[in-house]
Amino acid sequence: MPKGKRRSPQRPPGAGRIAPAPNARVSRPARVIDPAAKRAAVLDAGERLFAAGGFAATTMADIAAEAGVAVGTLYRFFPDKASLLAALHARLEDRFIAAMTRGWRAAADPREAFAPMIEALFDEAERARAAMPLYAMTRDSVSAADFTPGARMIAAIGALYEEGCARGAYHRHEPRIAAAIAHGMVDGAMRAWMTGSETRAAVGAALNMLFVRAFATPASGP
């Protein structure tokens, strides 16, 4: 080495880098939570609390805590309790519509579809027994301008009724009126059974007889 020049001391690997503080947080990618799953959790929590404690006594904060979400998150989905209750009613109606349709389509002849349809509806009511108070709660707490209880069910009944008429299996009436009457018959039968005043078998048999007499045309011979 030429005289007058000094060799620079070698640095150990990593020298000069700033070490993180012992308690510094290490950044991680944000955890993505499915909004649909959050909304479902809110609906499930609302269903439990409304059914157990009633509409007036249940607060939005209660529902958020039960669902495990922030109150602000809850308000992003539902601006108030009434809109949440209306969504719960619609979800319950959709379950009954699915059960009714499944039962009705189980029969090859629409004239014979009433009995399996009624059984499917009663089975669904058994599964949803704890949530059934939501029906009356919605009528009392949600304005008709925002939500019409039963409208979805009546529309679904009307669609099945029109299909039966098109196949010559049902007497033709005005579909909207026929569907509303059928819905009222089912609602009354469900109330008689759910309150314990009548047995499921007796209510189902009476409802089937009424449907057959009101709507079914005579079956053609072989």
Protein backbone atom coordinates (compact mmCIF):
# COMPACT_ATOMS: atom_id res chain seq x y z
CA MET A 1 0.00 0.00 0.00
CA PRO A 2 1.37 3.46 -0.84
CA LYS A 3 2.62 5.43 2.09
CA GLY A 4 0.32 8.15 3.42
CA LYS A 5 -2.93 6.25 2.67
CA ARG A 6 -4.88 4.56 5.39
CA ARG A 7 -7.08 1.59 4.87
CA SER A 8 -10.75 2.27 5.72
CA PRO A 9 -11.93 0.00 8.46
CA GLN A 10 -14.34 -2.68 7.23
CA ARG A 11 -17.94 -2.37 8.41
CA PRO A 12 -19.74 -5.37 9.66
CA PRO A 13 -22.79 -6.43 7.62
CA GLY A 14 -25.84 -4.29 8.36
CA ALA A 15 -23.80 -1.46 9.86
CA GLY A 16 -25.32 1.95 9.25
CA ARG A 17 -28.88 0.65 9.09
CA ILE A 18 -31.36 1.94 11.61
CA ALA A 19 -32.71 -0.88 13.72
CA PRO A 20 -36.43 -0.75 14.53
CA ALA A 21 -37.38 0.21 18.03
CA PRO A 22 -38.06 -2.82 20.21
CA ASN A 23 -41.76 -2.03 20.49
CA ALA A 24 -42.28 -0.76 16.95
CA ARG A 25 -45.22 -2.33 15.10
CA VAL A 26 -44.53 -4.31 11.99
CA SER A 27 -47.02 -3.26 9.30
CA ARG A 28 -49.16 -6.06 7.87
CA PRO A 29 -51.65 -6.08 5.03
CA ALA A 30 -55.11 -4.97 6.15
CA ARG A 31 -57.44 -7.84 6.93
CA VAL A 32 -60.33 -7.94 4.47
CA ILE A 33 -63.70 -8.85 5.97
CA ASP A 34 -66.53 -9.70 3.62
CA PRO A 35 -69.24 -7.01 3.93
CA ALA A 36 -71.90 -9.62 3.15
CA ALA A 37 -70.73 -11.68 6.12
CA LYS A 38 -70.86 -8.61 8.36
CA ARG A 39 -74.38 -7.81 7.20
CA ALA A 40 -75.48 -11.40 7.82
CA ALA A 41 -73.99 -11.24 11.33
CA VAL A 42 -75.93 -8.03 12.00
CA LEU A 43 -79.16 -9.61 10.78
CA ASP A 44 -78.62 -12.71 12.91
CA ALA A 45 -77.92 -10.55 15.97
CA GLY A 46 -80.95 -8.38 15.33
CA GLU A 47 -83.17 -11.42 14.93
CA ARG A 48 -82.02 -12.86 18.26
CA LEU A 49 -82.34 -9.62 20.21
CA PHE A 50 -85.64 -8.45 18.73
CA ALA A 51 -87.21 -11.87 19.30
CA ALA A 52 -85.91 -12.06 22.87
CA GLY A 53 -86.35 -8.49 24.09
CA GLY A 54 -88.73 -6.77 21.70
CA PHE A 55 -88.28 -3.92 19.26
CA ALA A 56 -88.49 -0.95 21.63
CA ALA A 57 -86.11 -2.33 24.24
CA THR A 58 -83.38 -3.30 21.76
CA THR A 59 -80.88 -0.57 20.81
CA MET A 60 -78.61 -0.32 17.80
CA ALA A 61 -75.65 -0.46 20.19
CA ASP A 62 -76.99 -3.75 21.58
CA ILE A 63 -77.19 -5.20 18.07
CA ALA A 64 -73.69 -4.02 17.13
CA ALA A 65 -72.23 -5.56 20.27
CA GLU A 66 -74.08 -8.84 19.69
CA ALA A 67 -72.87 -8.95 16.07
CA GLY A 68 -69.29 -8.07 16.98
CA VAL A 69 -69.15 -4.98 14.75
CA ALA A 70 -68.69 -1.27 15.37
CA VAL A 71 -71.82 0.83 15.73
CA GLY A 72 -70.71 2.89 12.73
CA THR A 73 -70.52 -0.28 10.64
CA LEU A 74 -74.06 -1.17 11.66
CA TYR A 75 -75.34 2.24 10.55
CA ARG A 76 -73.67 1.83 7.18
CA PHE A 77 -75.91 -1.17 6.56
CA PHE A 78 -79.09 0.06 8.27
CA PRO A 79 -79.87 3.70 9.07
CA ASP A 80 -82.27 2.80 11.88
CA LYS A 81 -83.95 -0.08 13.71
CA ALA A 82 -87.00 -0.02 11.47
CA SER A 83 -84.95 -0.65 8.32
CA LEU A 84 -83.14 -3.51 10.05
CA LEU A 85 -86.46 -5.04 11.15
CA ALA A 86 -87.82 -4.70 7.60
CA ALA A 87 -84.74 -6.51 6.26
CA LEU A 88 -85.24 -9.29 8.80
CA HIS A 89 -88.88 -9.65 7.79
CA ALA A 90 -87.88 -9.83 4.11
CA ARG A 91 -85.27 -12.50 4.89
CA LEU A 92 -87.82 -14.55 6.80
CA GLU A 93 -90.32 -14.19 3.96
CA ASP A 94 -87.70 -15.34 1.46
CA ARG A 95 -87.19 -18.51 3.49
CA PHE A 96 -90.91 -19.22 3.48
CA ILE A 97 -91.13 -18.47 -0.24
CA ALA A 98 -88.32 -20.95 -0.94
CA ALA A 99 -90.01 -23.62 1.21
CA MET A 100 -93.41 -23.00 -0.38
CA THR A 101 -92.02 -23.17 -3.91
CA ARG A 102 -90.05 -26.33 -3.14
CA GLY A 103 -93.16 -28.03 -1.73
CA TRP A 104 -95.40 -26.91 -4.58
CA ARG A 105 -93.00 -28.20 -7.22
CA ALA A 106 -92.72 -31.58 -5.49
CA ALA A 107 -96.06 -32.57 -7.06
CA ALA A 108 -96.37 -33.30 -10.77
CA ASP A 109 -99.98 -32.07 -10.85
CA PRO A 110 -100.63 -28.60 -9.38
CA ARG A 111 -103.95 -29.91 -8.04
CA GLU A 112 -101.96 -32.16 -5.73
CA ALA A 113 -99.39 -29.52 -4.79
CA PHE A 114 -101.28 -28.02 -1.86
CA ALA A 115 -100.51 -30.75 0.69
CA PRO A 116 -96.70 -30.86 0.13
CA MET A 117 -96.64 -27.06 -0.03
CA ILE A 118 -98.42 -26.78 3.32
CA GLU A 119 -96.09 -29.34 4.90
CA ALA A 120 -93.03 -27.44 3.63
CA LEU A 121 -94.39 -24.18 5.06
CA PHE A 122 -95.07 -25.78 8.43
CA ASP A 123 -91.59 -27.35 8.48
CA GLU A 124 -90.04 -23.93 7.84
CA ALA A 125 -92.18 -22.41 10.59
CA GLU A 126 -90.85 -25.06 12.99
CA ARG A 127 -87.28 -24.09 12.11
CA ALA A 128 -88.02 -20.37 12.41
CA ARG A 129 -90.27 -20.57 15.47
CA ALA A 130 -88.04 -18.30 17.57
CA ALA A 131 -88.13 -15.62 14.87
CA MET A 132 -91.88 -15.73 14.20
CA PRO A 133 -92.65 -12.76 16.54
CA LEU A 134 -90.89 -10.59 13.95
CA TYR A 135 -93.96 -10.81 11.72
CA ALA A 136 -96.25 -9.02 14.18
CA MET A 137 -93.41 -6.73 15.24
CA THR A 138 -92.94 -5.51 11.66
CA ARG A 139 -96.62 -4.69 11.25
CA ASP A 140 -96.51 -2.62 14.44
CA SER A 141 -93.14 -0.89 13.99
CA VAL A 142 -92.46 -0.34 10.27
CA SER A 143 -94.49 2.16 8.26
CA ALA A 144 -96.28 0.95 5.13
CA ALA A 145 -94.44 3.62 3.14
CA ASP A 146 -91.14 1.86 3.82
CA PHE A 147 -92.20 -1.78 3.73
CA THR A 148 -95.37 -3.77 3.14
CA PRO A 149 -95.31 -7.00 5.16
CA GLY A 150 -96.48 -9.98 3.14
CA ALA A 151 -96.06 -8.33 -0.27
CA ARG A 152 -93.23 -10.63 -1.34
CA MET A 153 -95.10 -13.75 -0.23
CA ILE A 154 -98.28 -12.68 -2.02
CA ALA A 155 -96.32 -12.06 -5.22
CA ALA A 156 -94.74 -15.53 -4.99
CA ILE A 157 -98.12 -17.17 -4.37
CA GLY A 158 -99.51 -15.29 -7.34
CA ALA A 159 -96.75 -16.60 -9.61
CA LEU A 160 -97.46 -20.23 -8.62
CA TYR A 161 -101.19 -19.66 -8.97
CA GLU A 162 -100.81 -18.27 -12.49
CA GLU A 163 -98.63 -21.23 -13.45
CA GLY A 164 -101.33 -23.59 -12.18
CA CYS A 165 -103.98 -21.69 -14.17
CA ALA A 166 -101.86 -21.87 -17.31
CA ARG A 167 -101.74 -25.65 -16.90
CA GLY A 168 -105.52 -25.84 -16.48
CA ALA A 169 -105.27 -27.05 -12.89
CA TYR A 170 -106.76 -24.00 -11.14
CA HIS A 171 -109.89 -21.93 -11.61
CA ARG A 172 -108.96 -18.56 -13.02
CA HIS A 173 -109.59 -15.58 -10.79
CA GLU A 174 -107.83 -12.23 -10.64
CA PRO A 175 -104.31 -13.41 -9.63
CA ARG A 176 -103.58 -10.63 -7.14
CA ILE A 177 -106.85 -11.17 -5.28
CA ALA A 178 -106.51 -14.97 -5.34
CA ALA A 179 -102.95 -14.71 -3.99
CA ALA A 180 -104.00 -12.31 -1.23
CA ILE A 181 -106.81 -14.66 -0.17
CA ALA A 182 -104.47 -17.66 -0.17
CA HIS A 183 -101.93 -15.71 1.89
CA GLY A 184 -104.62 -14.80 4.42
CA MET A 185 -105.67 -18.43 4.69
CA VAL A 186 -102.09 -19.55 5.35
CA ASP A 187 -101.50 -16.74 7.85
CA GLY A 188 -104.64 -17.62 9.79
CA ALA A 189 -103.83 -21.33 9.78
CA MET A 190 -100.27 -20.65 11.01
CA ARG A 191 -101.58 -18.51 13.86
CA ALA A 192 -104.06 -21.20 14.94
CA TRP A 193 -101.28 -23.77 15.00
CA MET A 194 -98.50 -21.64 16.50
CA THR A 195 -100.69 -20.44 19.37
CA GLY A 196 -101.47 -24.05 20.26
CA SER A 197 -105.21 -23.76 19.74
CA GLU A 198 -105.12 -26.40 16.98
CA THR A 199 -102.82 -29.28 16.06
CA ARG A 200 -100.59 -29.11 13.00
CA ALA A 201 -102.35 -32.10 11.44
CA ALA A 202 -105.82 -30.60 11.87
CA VAL A 203 -104.79 -27.18 10.57
CA GLY A 204 -102.94 -28.68 7.60
CA ALA A 205 -105.85 -30.89 6.60
CA ALA A 206 -108.35 -28.01 6.81
CA LEU A 207 -106.08 -25.69 4.82
CA ASN A 208 -105.54 -28.30 2.12
CA MET A 209 -109.30 -28.87 1.81
CA LEU A 210 -109.97 -25.14 1.49
CA PHE A 211 -107.30 -24.71 -1.17
CA VAL A 212 -108.60 -27.63 -3.21
CA ARG A 213 -112.21 -26.40 -3.06
CA ALA A 214 -111.31 -22.77 -3.79
CA PHE A 215 -108.77 -23.19 -6.56
CA ALA A 216 -108.43 -26.70 -8.05
CA THR A 217 -110.30 -27.69 -11.18
CA PRO A 218 -111.67 -31.26 -11.46
CA ALA A 219 -109.02 -33.67 -12.68
CA SER A 220 -109.71 -35.04 -16.14
CA GLY A 221 -110.27 -38.78 -16.42
CA PRO A 222 -107.84 -41.22 -18.05
